[in-house]
Amino acid sequence: MDFITNIIDILLNVDQYLNDIIKNYKFWTYLILFIIIFAETGFVVTPFLPGDPLLFAAGALIAGGDTGLNIFLLAFILILAGILGNTVNYHLGKYLGPKVFKPQNKILKLSYYQSTQDFFNKHGGKAVIFSRFFAILRTFVPFVSGVIKMPFGRYTLFNVIGAFAWIVSFLTLGYLFGNIPAVKDNFSWAILFITFLSTLPPIIGAIYSKKEKKANG
């Protein structure tokens, strides 16, 4: 329970935590953010990491003042983290296969695997790009790509496009809108809204997949 409470606290106050990291670690912030983005996209057991809110907050803080960070350098580093993370996740899926998803598993839920498969069936290879913008799917789609043995060259193309689109779009949104008074004064609500939008589709997909499975007997 403490773990969930801590995650929620970090999520709601991601700008404050990130600001503290920047003040305490300065240039090493690049490495810390690289590790977070790499972990979220690289390991199927870390879907709880706050990718979208973190990117939005980073853009907002850079636009707002004396962070010492360069948004172009940060974008390059985090795009690289996203590409490498997804590549690792792909190979883990290829090696481990679908057997790690079990109904009783709290993180590697079978329902997540099934909803991710449905996402693949609907969007094909472009699911690798689209999944970047949805929490949970962002972590599971690379793994499932490896499980189904998508050709690595084709996967890499979608991986690179998706990483670029995701990182640049959220950093830019934070940079342009994060310091608007209405957003800045209600930053936690803005983060909640972003999180809600990114988590809703995969949750709906998991519910739909479960209902469809029951309907088909």
N, C-alpha and C. Protein backbone atom coordinates (compact mmCIF):
# COMPACT_ATOMS: atom_id res chain seq x y z
N MET A 1 0.83 -1.21 0.00
CA MET A 1 0.00 0.00 0.00
C MET A 1 0.86 1.26 0.00
N ASP A 2 1.97 1.22 0.78
CA ASP A 2 2.89 2.35 0.82
C ASP A 2 3.48 2.62 -0.56
N PHE A 3 3.74 1.53 -1.30
CA PHE A 3 4.31 1.66 -2.65
C PHE A 3 3.35 2.44 -3.55
N ILE A 4 2.07 2.09 -3.51
CA ILE A 4 1.06 2.76 -4.34
C ILE A 4 0.93 4.22 -3.92
N THR A 5 0.93 4.46 -2.62
CA THR A 5 0.84 5.84 -2.11
C THR A 5 2.01 6.68 -2.59
N ASN A 6 3.20 6.10 -2.58
CA ASN A 6 4.40 6.82 -3.03
C ASN A 6 4.33 7.12 -4.52
N ILE A 7 3.84 6.17 -5.29
CA ILE A 7 3.72 6.38 -6.74
C ILE A 7 2.74 7.51 -7.03
N ILE A 8 1.62 7.51 -6.33
CA ILE A 8 0.62 8.57 -6.52
C ILE A 8 1.19 9.93 -6.13
N ASP A 9 1.94 9.96 -5.03
CA ASP A 9 2.54 11.21 -4.57
C ASP A 9 3.54 11.75 -5.59
N ILE A 10 4.37 10.87 -6.13
CA ILE A 10 5.34 11.27 -7.15
C ILE A 10 4.62 11.77 -8.40
N LEU A 11 3.56 11.08 -8.77
CA LEU A 11 2.80 11.46 -9.96
C LEU A 11 2.20 12.86 -9.81
N LEU A 12 1.55 13.10 -8.68
CA LEU A 12 0.86 14.38 -8.47
C LEU A 12 1.83 15.54 -8.28
N ASN A 13 3.04 15.22 -7.83
CA ASN A 13 4.02 16.28 -7.56
C ASN A 13 5.29 16.08 -8.40
N VAL A 14 5.10 15.57 -9.61
CA VAL A 14 6.25 15.22 -10.44
C VAL A 14 7.11 16.44 -10.75
N ASP A 15 6.49 17.62 -10.88
CA ASP A 15 7.27 18.83 -11.16
C ASP A 15 8.17 19.20 -9.99
N GLN A 16 7.67 19.03 -8.76
CA GLN A 16 8.47 19.35 -7.57
C GLN A 16 9.63 18.38 -7.41
N TYR A 17 9.33 17.08 -7.60
CA TYR A 17 10.40 16.08 -7.50
C TYR A 17 11.46 16.31 -8.57
N LEU A 18 11.02 16.61 -9.79
CA LEU A 18 11.96 16.83 -10.88
C LEU A 18 12.79 18.09 -10.62
N ASN A 19 12.15 19.12 -10.08
CA ASN A 19 12.87 20.35 -9.76
C ASN A 19 13.95 20.09 -8.71
N ASP A 20 13.63 19.24 -7.73
CA ASP A 20 14.62 18.88 -6.70
C ASP A 20 15.79 18.11 -7.32
N ILE A 21 15.48 17.21 -8.24
CA ILE A 21 16.52 16.44 -8.92
C ILE A 21 17.45 17.37 -9.69
N ILE A 22 16.86 18.33 -10.41
CA ILE A 22 17.66 19.27 -11.19
C ILE A 22 18.57 20.10 -10.29
N LYS A 23 18.03 20.57 -9.15
CA LYS A 23 18.82 21.40 -8.23
C LYS A 23 19.96 20.61 -7.59
N ASN A 24 19.69 19.34 -7.26
CA ASN A 24 20.68 18.53 -6.54
C ASN A 24 21.70 17.86 -7.45
N TYR A 25 21.27 17.50 -8.67
CA TYR A 25 22.15 16.70 -9.53
C TYR A 25 22.57 17.41 -10.81
N LYS A 26 21.94 18.54 -11.09
CA LYS A 26 22.32 19.39 -12.22
C LYS A 26 22.51 18.58 -13.51
N PHE A 27 23.75 18.54 -14.05
CA PHE A 27 23.98 17.88 -15.34
C PHE A 27 23.62 16.40 -15.31
N TRP A 28 23.71 15.77 -14.12
CA TRP A 28 23.40 14.34 -14.00
C TRP A 28 21.89 14.07 -14.16
N THR A 29 21.11 15.13 -14.19
CA THR A 29 19.67 14.98 -14.44
C THR A 29 19.42 14.29 -15.77
N TYR A 30 20.24 14.59 -16.76
CA TYR A 30 20.11 13.93 -18.06
C TYR A 30 20.16 12.41 -17.91
N LEU A 31 21.13 11.94 -17.13
CA LEU A 31 21.30 10.50 -16.92
C LEU A 31 20.13 9.92 -16.14
N ILE A 32 19.68 10.64 -15.10
CA ILE A 32 18.56 10.15 -14.28
C ILE A 32 17.29 10.00 -15.12
N LEU A 33 17.00 11.00 -15.95
CA LEU A 33 15.81 10.93 -16.81
C LEU A 33 15.97 9.85 -17.88
N PHE A 34 17.20 9.68 -18.38
CA PHE A 34 17.47 8.60 -19.33
C PHE A 34 17.11 7.25 -18.70
N ILE A 35 17.55 7.04 -17.46
CA ILE A 35 17.31 5.76 -16.78
C ILE A 35 15.81 5.53 -16.58
N ILE A 36 15.08 6.59 -16.20
CA ILE A 36 13.63 6.44 -15.95
C ILE A 36 12.90 6.07 -17.24
N ILE A 37 13.18 6.79 -18.33
CA ILE A 37 12.51 6.50 -19.60
C ILE A 37 12.93 5.13 -20.13
N PHE A 38 14.22 4.81 -19.99
CA PHE A 38 14.69 3.49 -20.43
C PHE A 38 13.99 2.39 -19.66
N ALA A 39 13.87 2.56 -18.34
CA ALA A 39 13.24 1.53 -17.51
C ALA A 39 11.77 1.37 -17.84
N GLU A 40 11.06 2.49 -18.03
CA GLU A 40 9.63 2.39 -18.33
C GLU A 40 9.37 1.66 -19.64
N THR A 41 10.20 1.92 -20.63
CA THR A 41 9.99 1.30 -21.94
C THR A 41 10.74 -0.02 -22.10
N GLY A 42 11.72 -0.27 -21.22
CA GLY A 42 12.58 -1.43 -21.40
C GLY A 42 12.22 -2.66 -20.60
N PHE A 43 11.45 -2.48 -19.51
CA PHE A 43 11.15 -3.61 -18.64
C PHE A 43 9.65 -3.72 -18.46
N VAL A 44 9.12 -4.88 -18.76
CA VAL A 44 7.67 -5.07 -18.74
C VAL A 44 7.09 -4.98 -17.33
N VAL A 45 7.93 -5.01 -16.31
CA VAL A 45 7.45 -4.95 -14.92
C VAL A 45 7.42 -3.52 -14.37
N THR A 46 7.70 -2.51 -15.21
CA THR A 46 7.74 -1.13 -14.70
C THR A 46 6.77 -0.21 -15.44
N PRO A 47 5.51 -0.62 -15.61
CA PRO A 47 4.55 0.26 -16.30
C PRO A 47 4.08 1.43 -15.43
N PHE A 48 4.44 1.40 -14.13
CA PHE A 48 3.98 2.42 -13.19
C PHE A 48 4.83 3.70 -13.26
N LEU A 49 5.95 3.68 -13.96
CA LEU A 49 6.80 4.87 -14.02
C LEU A 49 6.09 5.98 -14.81
N PRO A 50 6.23 7.24 -14.36
CA PRO A 50 5.43 8.34 -14.91
C PRO A 50 6.02 8.98 -16.17
N GLY A 51 6.01 8.26 -17.28
CA GLY A 51 6.62 8.76 -18.51
C GLY A 51 6.04 10.06 -19.02
N ASP A 52 4.74 10.06 -19.32
CA ASP A 52 4.10 11.26 -19.89
C ASP A 52 4.18 12.46 -18.96
N PRO A 53 3.78 12.33 -17.68
CA PRO A 53 3.88 13.48 -16.78
C PRO A 53 5.31 13.99 -16.61
N LEU A 54 6.27 13.07 -16.60
CA LEU A 54 7.67 13.45 -16.44
C LEU A 54 8.14 14.29 -17.62
N LEU A 55 7.79 13.88 -18.83
CA LEU A 55 8.18 14.62 -20.03
C LEU A 55 7.53 16.00 -20.05
N PHE A 56 6.24 16.04 -19.72
CA PHE A 56 5.51 17.31 -19.69
C PHE A 56 6.14 18.26 -18.66
N ALA A 57 6.43 17.73 -17.47
CA ALA A 57 7.02 18.55 -16.41
C ALA A 57 8.41 19.03 -16.79
N ALA A 58 9.19 18.18 -17.45
CA ALA A 58 10.54 18.58 -17.88
C ALA A 58 10.47 19.74 -18.86
N GLY A 59 9.56 19.65 -19.83
CA GLY A 59 9.39 20.74 -20.79
C GLY A 59 8.98 22.02 -20.11
N ALA A 60 8.06 21.92 -19.15
CA ALA A 60 7.57 23.10 -18.44
C ALA A 60 8.67 23.75 -17.61
N LEU A 61 9.47 22.95 -16.91
CA LEU A 61 10.53 23.50 -16.06
C LEU A 61 11.63 24.15 -16.89
N ILE A 62 11.96 23.55 -18.02
CA ILE A 62 12.99 24.13 -18.89
C ILE A 62 12.51 25.48 -19.43
N ALA A 63 11.23 25.54 -19.81
CA ALA A 63 10.68 26.79 -20.33
C ALA A 63 10.58 27.86 -19.26
N GLY A 64 10.43 27.41 -18.00
CA GLY A 64 10.15 28.35 -16.92
C GLY A 64 11.34 29.01 -16.30
N GLY A 65 12.56 28.53 -16.54
CA GLY A 65 13.65 29.22 -15.86
C GLY A 65 14.99 28.54 -15.87
N ASP A 66 15.69 28.68 -14.75
CA ASP A 66 17.11 28.36 -14.66
C ASP A 66 17.36 26.90 -14.30
N THR A 67 17.04 26.02 -15.19
CA THR A 67 17.29 24.60 -14.93
C THR A 67 18.70 24.19 -15.36
N GLY A 68 19.26 24.94 -16.30
CA GLY A 68 20.56 24.56 -16.84
C GLY A 68 20.48 23.45 -17.86
N LEU A 69 19.26 22.99 -18.15
CA LEU A 69 19.07 21.92 -19.12
C LEU A 69 18.76 22.49 -20.50
N ASN A 70 19.24 21.81 -21.51
CA ASN A 70 18.94 22.18 -22.89
C ASN A 70 17.88 21.24 -23.43
N ILE A 71 16.77 21.78 -23.88
CA ILE A 71 15.65 20.92 -24.28
C ILE A 71 15.98 20.06 -25.49
N PHE A 72 16.84 20.54 -26.40
CA PHE A 72 17.21 19.76 -27.57
C PHE A 72 18.10 18.59 -27.19
N LEU A 73 19.05 18.84 -26.30
CA LEU A 73 19.91 17.76 -25.82
C LEU A 73 19.10 16.75 -25.03
N LEU A 74 18.18 17.24 -24.19
CA LEU A 74 17.33 16.34 -23.41
C LEU A 74 16.47 15.47 -24.33
N ALA A 75 15.89 16.10 -25.36
CA ALA A 75 15.07 15.35 -26.31
C ALA A 75 15.88 14.24 -26.97
N PHE A 76 17.10 14.55 -27.40
CA PHE A 76 17.96 13.56 -28.05
C PHE A 76 18.25 12.40 -27.10
N ILE A 77 18.61 12.72 -25.86
CA ILE A 77 18.96 11.69 -24.87
C ILE A 77 17.76 10.80 -24.56
N LEU A 78 16.58 11.41 -24.43
CA LEU A 78 15.39 10.62 -24.06
C LEU A 78 14.85 9.83 -25.25
N ILE A 79 15.00 10.36 -26.46
CA ILE A 79 14.63 9.56 -27.65
C ILE A 79 15.51 8.31 -27.71
N LEU A 80 16.80 8.49 -27.45
CA LEU A 80 17.72 7.36 -27.42
C LEU A 80 17.32 6.36 -26.34
N ALA A 81 16.93 6.88 -25.16
CA ALA A 81 16.50 6.00 -24.07
C ALA A 81 15.26 5.20 -24.47
N GLY A 82 14.30 5.87 -25.13
CA GLY A 82 13.08 5.19 -25.57
C GLY A 82 13.35 4.12 -26.60
N ILE A 83 14.26 4.41 -27.53
CA ILE A 83 14.59 3.42 -28.57
C ILE A 83 15.29 2.21 -27.96
N LEU A 84 16.29 2.46 -27.13
CA LEU A 84 17.05 1.36 -26.51
C LEU A 84 16.17 0.56 -25.56
N GLY A 85 15.30 1.27 -24.80
CA GLY A 85 14.41 0.56 -23.89
C GLY A 85 13.48 -0.39 -24.62
N ASN A 86 12.86 0.09 -25.68
CA ASN A 86 11.95 -0.76 -26.45
C ASN A 86 12.68 -1.92 -27.11
N THR A 87 13.93 -1.69 -27.50
CA THR A 87 14.72 -2.76 -28.11
C THR A 87 15.00 -3.87 -27.11
N VAL A 88 15.37 -3.49 -25.89
CA VAL A 88 15.59 -4.48 -24.82
C VAL A 88 14.29 -5.24 -24.53
N ASN A 89 13.18 -4.50 -24.44
CA ASN A 89 11.89 -5.10 -24.14
C ASN A 89 11.48 -6.10 -25.23
N TYR A 90 11.74 -5.75 -26.47
CA TYR A 90 11.45 -6.64 -27.61
C TYR A 90 12.20 -7.97 -27.44
N HIS A 91 13.49 -7.88 -27.15
CA HIS A 91 14.30 -9.10 -27.03
C HIS A 91 13.92 -9.92 -25.80
N LEU A 92 13.49 -9.24 -24.73
CA LEU A 92 13.00 -9.98 -23.56
C LEU A 92 11.74 -10.77 -23.93
N GLY A 93 10.84 -10.13 -24.67
CA GLY A 93 9.62 -10.81 -25.11
C GLY A 93 9.92 -11.98 -26.02
N LYS A 94 10.88 -11.79 -26.90
CA LYS A 94 11.26 -12.86 -27.83
C LYS A 94 11.85 -14.05 -27.08
N TYR A 95 12.59 -13.75 -26.02
CA TYR A 95 13.24 -14.81 -25.25
C TYR A 95 12.28 -15.50 -24.28
N LEU A 96 11.48 -14.73 -23.58
CA LEU A 96 10.62 -15.29 -22.51
C LEU A 96 9.31 -15.84 -23.03
N GLY A 97 8.73 -15.21 -24.05
CA GLY A 97 7.46 -15.68 -24.59
C GLY A 97 6.28 -15.31 -23.72
N PRO A 98 5.07 -15.77 -24.08
CA PRO A 98 3.85 -15.36 -23.38
C PRO A 98 3.62 -16.05 -22.05
N LYS A 99 4.46 -17.02 -21.69
CA LYS A 99 4.22 -17.81 -20.48
C LYS A 99 4.31 -16.99 -19.20
N VAL A 100 4.95 -15.81 -19.27
CA VAL A 100 5.10 -15.00 -18.05
C VAL A 100 3.81 -14.29 -17.66
N PHE A 101 2.85 -14.21 -18.60
CA PHE A 101 1.56 -13.57 -18.29
C PHE A 101 0.63 -14.62 -17.69
N LYS A 102 0.21 -14.38 -16.43
CA LYS A 102 -0.66 -15.32 -15.74
C LYS A 102 -1.79 -14.57 -15.05
N PRO A 103 -2.97 -15.21 -14.95
CA PRO A 103 -4.14 -14.53 -14.35
C PRO A 103 -3.89 -14.00 -12.95
N GLN A 104 -3.09 -14.73 -12.14
CA GLN A 104 -2.87 -14.35 -10.76
C GLN A 104 -1.74 -13.32 -10.60
N ASN A 105 -1.06 -13.00 -11.69
CA ASN A 105 0.05 -12.07 -11.62
C ASN A 105 -0.45 -10.64 -11.51
N LYS A 106 0.08 -9.87 -10.55
CA LYS A 106 -0.42 -8.51 -10.31
C LYS A 106 0.13 -7.50 -11.31
N ILE A 107 1.30 -7.74 -11.87
CA ILE A 107 1.90 -6.81 -12.84
C ILE A 107 1.80 -7.36 -14.26
N LEU A 108 2.26 -8.59 -14.45
CA LEU A 108 2.19 -9.22 -15.77
C LEU A 108 0.84 -9.90 -15.94
N LYS A 109 -0.21 -9.09 -15.95
CA LYS A 109 -1.56 -9.62 -16.00
C LYS A 109 -1.89 -10.20 -17.37
N LEU A 110 -2.58 -11.32 -17.36
CA LEU A 110 -3.01 -11.93 -18.61
C LEU A 110 -3.93 -11.00 -19.39
N SER A 111 -4.75 -10.22 -18.67
CA SER A 111 -5.67 -9.29 -19.34
C SER A 111 -4.90 -8.21 -20.11
N TYR A 112 -3.74 -7.79 -19.58
CA TYR A 112 -2.92 -6.80 -20.27
C TYR A 112 -2.38 -7.38 -21.57
N TYR A 113 -1.96 -8.64 -21.48
CA TYR A 113 -1.43 -9.31 -22.68
C TYR A 113 -2.51 -9.45 -23.74
N GLN A 114 -3.72 -9.83 -23.30
CA GLN A 114 -4.82 -10.00 -24.25
C GLN A 114 -5.23 -8.68 -24.88
N SER A 115 -5.30 -7.60 -24.08
CA SER A 115 -5.67 -6.30 -24.64
C SER A 115 -4.59 -5.79 -25.58
N THR A 116 -3.32 -6.11 -25.28
CA THR A 116 -2.23 -5.71 -26.17
C THR A 116 -2.31 -6.46 -27.49
N GLN A 117 -2.64 -7.74 -27.43
CA GLN A 117 -2.84 -8.51 -28.66
C GLN A 117 -3.97 -7.93 -29.50
N ASP A 118 -5.06 -7.53 -28.86
CA ASP A 118 -6.18 -6.90 -29.57
C ASP A 118 -5.73 -5.60 -30.23
N PHE A 119 -4.89 -4.86 -29.52
CA PHE A 119 -4.35 -3.60 -30.05
C PHE A 119 -3.52 -3.88 -31.30
N PHE A 120 -2.73 -4.96 -31.27
CA PHE A 120 -1.94 -5.36 -32.42
C PHE A 120 -2.83 -5.77 -33.58
N ASN A 121 -3.85 -6.56 -33.29
CA ASN A 121 -4.75 -7.03 -34.34
C ASN A 121 -5.44 -5.87 -35.05
N LYS A 122 -5.72 -4.80 -34.29
CA LYS A 122 -6.41 -3.65 -34.86
C LYS A 122 -5.47 -2.75 -35.66
N HIS A 123 -4.26 -2.53 -35.16
CA HIS A 123 -3.37 -1.53 -35.76
C HIS A 123 -2.15 -2.12 -36.48
N GLY A 124 -1.91 -3.42 -36.34
CA GLY A 124 -0.75 -4.01 -36.99
C GLY A 124 0.54 -3.44 -36.43
N GLY A 125 1.56 -3.31 -37.29
CA GLY A 125 2.86 -2.81 -36.85
C GLY A 125 2.81 -1.40 -36.31
N LYS A 126 1.84 -0.62 -36.76
CA LYS A 126 1.73 0.78 -36.29
C LYS A 126 1.38 0.83 -34.80
N ALA A 127 0.98 -0.31 -34.23
CA ALA A 127 0.71 -0.37 -32.79
C ALA A 127 1.95 0.02 -31.99
N VAL A 128 3.14 -0.26 -32.53
CA VAL A 128 4.38 0.09 -31.85
C VAL A 128 4.49 1.61 -31.71
N ILE A 129 4.04 2.33 -32.73
CA ILE A 129 4.05 3.81 -32.67
C ILE A 129 2.95 4.31 -31.75
N PHE A 130 1.73 3.85 -31.98
CA PHE A 130 0.58 4.34 -31.21
C PHE A 130 0.73 4.07 -29.72
N SER A 131 1.32 2.92 -29.38
CA SER A 131 1.42 2.52 -27.97
C SER A 131 2.26 3.48 -27.14
N ARG A 132 3.15 4.21 -27.80
CA ARG A 132 3.99 5.16 -27.07
C ARG A 132 3.15 6.17 -26.27
N PHE A 133 1.95 6.44 -26.74
CA PHE A 133 1.13 7.49 -26.13
C PHE A 133 0.14 6.95 -25.11
N PHE A 134 0.24 5.64 -24.80
CA PHE A 134 -0.67 5.04 -23.83
C PHE A 134 0.11 4.29 -22.76
N ALA A 135 -0.09 4.70 -21.50
CA ALA A 135 0.54 3.99 -20.39
C ALA A 135 0.09 2.53 -20.42
N ILE A 136 0.88 1.66 -19.87
CA ILE A 136 0.69 0.20 -19.86
C ILE A 136 1.01 -0.37 -21.24
N LEU A 137 0.27 0.07 -22.28
CA LEU A 137 0.57 -0.42 -23.62
C LEU A 137 1.99 -0.07 -24.03
N ARG A 138 2.45 1.10 -23.60
CA ARG A 138 3.81 1.55 -23.92
C ARG A 138 4.85 0.55 -23.42
N THR A 139 4.53 -0.10 -22.31
CA THR A 139 5.44 -1.09 -21.73
C THR A 139 5.25 -2.48 -22.31
N PHE A 140 3.99 -2.82 -22.62
CA PHE A 140 3.68 -4.19 -23.02
C PHE A 140 3.82 -4.45 -24.53
N VAL A 141 3.56 -3.44 -25.36
CA VAL A 141 3.61 -3.64 -26.81
C VAL A 141 5.01 -4.08 -27.28
N PRO A 142 6.11 -3.45 -26.82
CA PRO A 142 7.43 -3.93 -27.25
C PRO A 142 7.66 -5.39 -26.87
N PHE A 143 7.23 -5.76 -25.65
CA PHE A 143 7.39 -7.14 -25.20
C PHE A 143 6.61 -8.10 -26.09
N VAL A 144 5.35 -7.75 -26.37
CA VAL A 144 4.51 -8.61 -27.21
C VAL A 144 5.04 -8.65 -28.64
N SER A 145 5.65 -7.56 -29.11
CA SER A 145 6.27 -7.56 -30.44
C SER A 145 7.33 -8.65 -30.52
N GLY A 146 8.08 -8.81 -29.43
CA GLY A 146 9.07 -9.87 -29.38
C GLY A 146 8.45 -11.25 -29.27
N VAL A 147 7.37 -11.33 -28.49
CA VAL A 147 6.68 -12.61 -28.32
C VAL A 147 6.18 -13.15 -29.66
N ILE A 148 5.58 -12.26 -30.46
CA ILE A 148 5.04 -12.69 -31.76
C ILE A 148 6.10 -12.70 -32.85
N LYS A 149 7.35 -12.32 -32.46
CA LYS A 149 8.50 -12.35 -33.38
C LYS A 149 8.27 -11.47 -34.62
N MET A 150 7.82 -10.24 -34.39
CA MET A 150 7.76 -9.26 -35.47
C MET A 150 9.17 -9.10 -36.05
N PRO A 151 9.33 -9.05 -37.37
CA PRO A 151 10.67 -8.86 -37.94
C PRO A 151 11.37 -7.66 -37.32
N PHE A 152 12.60 -7.86 -36.86
CA PHE A 152 13.28 -6.84 -36.05
C PHE A 152 13.51 -5.54 -36.82
N GLY A 153 13.83 -5.65 -38.11
CA GLY A 153 14.04 -4.45 -38.91
C GLY A 153 12.78 -3.60 -38.99
N ARG A 154 11.65 -4.25 -39.23
CA ARG A 154 10.37 -3.54 -39.31
C ARG A 154 10.02 -2.95 -37.94
N TYR A 155 10.25 -3.74 -36.89
CA TYR A 155 9.97 -3.27 -35.54
C TYR A 155 10.82 -2.03 -35.22
N THR A 156 12.08 -2.06 -35.58
CA THR A 156 12.99 -0.95 -35.28
C THR A 156 12.54 0.33 -35.94
N LEU A 157 12.04 0.25 -37.17
CA LEU A 157 11.54 1.44 -37.86
C LEU A 157 10.40 2.07 -37.07
N PHE A 158 9.42 1.27 -36.67
CA PHE A 158 8.30 1.78 -35.88
C PHE A 158 8.77 2.27 -34.51
N ASN A 159 9.75 1.58 -33.95
CA ASN A 159 10.30 1.94 -32.65
C ASN A 159 10.91 3.35 -32.68
N VAL A 160 11.71 3.63 -33.69
CA VAL A 160 12.39 4.92 -33.81
C VAL A 160 11.37 6.04 -34.03
N ILE A 161 10.40 5.80 -34.93
CA ILE A 161 9.37 6.81 -35.20
C ILE A 161 8.56 7.09 -33.94
N GLY A 162 8.16 6.04 -33.24
CA GLY A 162 7.36 6.19 -32.04
C GLY A 162 8.09 6.93 -30.94
N ALA A 163 9.37 6.60 -30.72
CA ALA A 163 10.15 7.27 -29.68
C ALA A 163 10.29 8.76 -29.98
N PHE A 164 10.57 9.08 -31.22
CA PHE A 164 10.72 10.49 -31.61
C PHE A 164 9.41 11.25 -31.40
N ALA A 165 8.30 10.68 -31.88
CA ALA A 165 7.00 11.35 -31.78
C ALA A 165 6.59 11.55 -30.33
N TRP A 166 6.79 10.53 -29.50
CA TRP A 166 6.37 10.60 -28.09
C TRP A 166 7.17 11.62 -27.30
N ILE A 167 8.49 11.52 -27.36
CA ILE A 167 9.35 12.41 -26.58
C ILE A 167 9.18 13.86 -27.01
N VAL A 168 9.24 14.10 -28.31
CA VAL A 168 9.16 15.47 -28.81
C VAL A 168 7.80 16.10 -28.51
N SER A 169 6.72 15.34 -28.68
CA SER A 169 5.39 15.91 -28.48
C SER A 169 5.15 16.30 -27.02
N PHE A 170 5.52 15.44 -26.06
CA PHE A 170 5.25 15.77 -24.66
C PHE A 170 6.21 16.82 -24.10
N LEU A 171 7.47 16.79 -24.52
CA LEU A 171 8.38 17.86 -24.12
C LEU A 171 7.89 19.20 -24.66
N THR A 172 7.44 19.21 -25.91
CA THR A 172 6.96 20.44 -26.54
C THR A 172 5.69 20.94 -25.87
N LEU A 173 4.76 20.03 -25.56
CA LEU A 173 3.53 20.43 -24.87
C LEU A 173 3.84 21.08 -23.53
N GLY A 174 4.76 20.47 -22.78
CA GLY A 174 5.15 21.04 -21.50
C GLY A 174 5.83 22.39 -21.67
N TYR A 175 6.69 22.50 -22.67
CA TYR A 175 7.44 23.73 -22.92
C TYR A 175 6.50 24.87 -23.32
N LEU A 176 5.48 24.57 -24.12
CA LEU A 176 4.59 25.61 -24.63
C LEU A 176 3.46 25.96 -23.66
N PHE A 177 2.96 24.95 -22.94
CA PHE A 177 1.75 25.18 -22.15
C PHE A 177 1.95 25.04 -20.63
N GLY A 178 3.06 24.45 -20.21
CA GLY A 178 3.25 24.17 -18.79
C GLY A 178 3.34 25.40 -17.91
N ASN A 179 3.69 26.54 -18.49
CA ASN A 179 3.83 27.76 -17.69
C ASN A 179 2.70 28.75 -17.91
N ILE A 180 1.68 28.36 -18.63
CA ILE A 180 0.48 29.18 -18.70
C ILE A 180 -0.12 29.22 -17.30
N PRO A 181 -0.47 30.41 -16.79
CA PRO A 181 -0.92 30.52 -15.39
C PRO A 181 -1.99 29.51 -14.99
N ALA A 182 -2.98 29.29 -15.85
CA ALA A 182 -4.06 28.35 -15.51
C ALA A 182 -3.53 26.93 -15.34
N VAL A 183 -2.51 26.56 -16.12
CA VAL A 183 -1.91 25.23 -16.02
C VAL A 183 -0.94 25.17 -14.84
N LYS A 184 -0.10 26.20 -14.72
CA LYS A 184 0.91 26.23 -13.67
C LYS A 184 0.28 26.21 -12.28
N ASP A 185 -0.81 26.93 -12.12
CA ASP A 185 -1.49 27.00 -10.82
C ASP A 185 -2.27 25.73 -10.49
N ASN A 186 -2.51 24.92 -11.50
CA ASN A 186 -3.26 23.67 -11.30
C ASN A 186 -2.48 22.50 -11.91
N PHE A 187 -1.17 22.48 -11.64
CA PHE A 187 -0.29 21.53 -12.32
C PHE A 187 -0.66 20.08 -12.00
N SER A 188 -1.02 19.82 -10.76
CA SER A 188 -1.39 18.45 -10.37
C SER A 188 -2.61 17.97 -11.14
N TRP A 189 -3.57 18.87 -11.35
CA TRP A 189 -4.76 18.51 -12.13
C TRP A 189 -4.40 18.27 -13.59
N ALA A 190 -3.47 19.07 -14.10
CA ALA A 190 -3.02 18.87 -15.49
C ALA A 190 -2.36 17.50 -15.64
N ILE A 191 -1.55 17.13 -14.65
CA ILE A 191 -0.88 15.83 -14.67
C ILE A 191 -1.89 14.69 -14.58
N LEU A 192 -2.89 14.87 -13.70
CA LEU A 192 -3.94 13.86 -13.58
C LEU A 192 -4.69 13.68 -14.90
N PHE A 193 -4.96 14.79 -15.57
CA PHE A 193 -5.66 14.74 -16.85
C PHE A 193 -4.84 14.00 -17.89
N ILE A 194 -3.55 14.30 -17.95
CA ILE A 194 -2.66 13.61 -18.89
C ILE A 194 -2.61 12.12 -18.58
N THR A 195 -2.50 11.79 -17.30
CA THR A 195 -2.44 10.38 -16.90
C THR A 195 -3.74 9.66 -17.22
N PHE A 196 -4.86 10.33 -16.98
CA PHE A 196 -6.17 9.75 -17.28
C PHE A 196 -6.30 9.44 -18.77
N LEU A 197 -5.91 10.38 -19.61
CA LEU A 197 -6.02 10.18 -21.06
C LEU A 197 -5.13 9.04 -21.54
N SER A 198 -3.97 8.89 -20.92
CA SER A 198 -3.02 7.87 -21.39
C SER A 198 -3.33 6.48 -20.86
N THR A 199 -4.04 6.40 -19.73
CA THR A 199 -4.34 5.08 -19.15
C THR A 199 -5.74 4.56 -19.51
N LEU A 200 -6.64 5.45 -19.90
CA LEU A 200 -8.01 5.03 -20.16
C LEU A 200 -8.14 4.02 -21.30
N PRO A 201 -7.53 4.25 -22.48
CA PRO A 201 -7.71 3.29 -23.59
C PRO A 201 -7.28 1.87 -23.27
N PRO A 202 -6.08 1.63 -22.68
CA PRO A 202 -5.71 0.25 -22.37
C PRO A 202 -6.61 -0.41 -21.34
N ILE A 203 -7.12 0.38 -20.37
CA ILE A 203 -8.03 -0.19 -19.38
C ILE A 203 -9.34 -0.60 -20.04
N ILE A 204 -9.85 0.26 -20.92
CA ILE A 204 -11.07 -0.08 -21.66
C ILE A 204 -10.84 -1.31 -22.53
N GLY A 205 -9.64 -1.38 -23.15
CA GLY A 205 -9.31 -2.53 -23.98
C GLY A 205 -9.27 -3.82 -23.19
N ALA A 206 -8.72 -3.76 -21.98
CA ALA A 206 -8.65 -4.96 -21.13
C ALA A 206 -10.04 -5.42 -20.72
N ILE A 207 -10.93 -4.46 -20.38
CA ILE A 207 -12.30 -4.79 -20.00
C ILE A 207 -13.05 -5.39 -21.19
N TYR A 208 -12.88 -4.78 -22.36
CA TYR A 208 -13.55 -5.26 -23.57
C TYR A 208 -13.08 -6.66 -23.92
N SER A 209 -11.76 -6.89 -23.80
CA SER A 209 -11.21 -8.21 -24.12
C SER A 209 -11.76 -9.27 -23.19
N LYS A 210 -11.91 -8.93 -21.90
CA LYS A 210 -12.43 -9.88 -20.92
C LYS A 210 -13.90 -10.20 -21.21
N LYS A 211 -14.68 -9.17 -21.54
CA LYS A 211 -16.10 -9.38 -21.85
C LYS A 211 -16.27 -10.22 -23.11
N GLU A 212 -15.41 -9.94 -24.11
CA GLU A 212 -15.50 -10.68 -25.37
C GLU A 212 -15.14 -12.15 -25.16
N LYS A 213 -14.17 -12.38 -24.30
CA LYS A 213 -13.77 -13.76 -24.00
C LYS A 213 -14.89 -14.51 -23.31
N LYS A 214 -15.60 -13.85 -22.38
CA LYS A 214 -16.74 -14.48 -21.70
C LYS A 214 -17.87 -14.75 -22.67
N ALA A 215 -18.10 -13.80 -23.60
CA ALA A 215 -19.19 -13.95 -24.57
C ALA A 215 -18.94 -15.11 -25.50
N ASN A 216 -17.64 -15.34 -25.83
CA ASN A 216 -17.30 -16.44 -26.74
C ASN A 216 -17.15 -17.77 -26.01
N GLY A 217 -17.43 -17.72 -24.73
CA GLY A 217 -17.45 -18.97 -23.98
C GLY A 217 -16.14 -19.44 -23.47
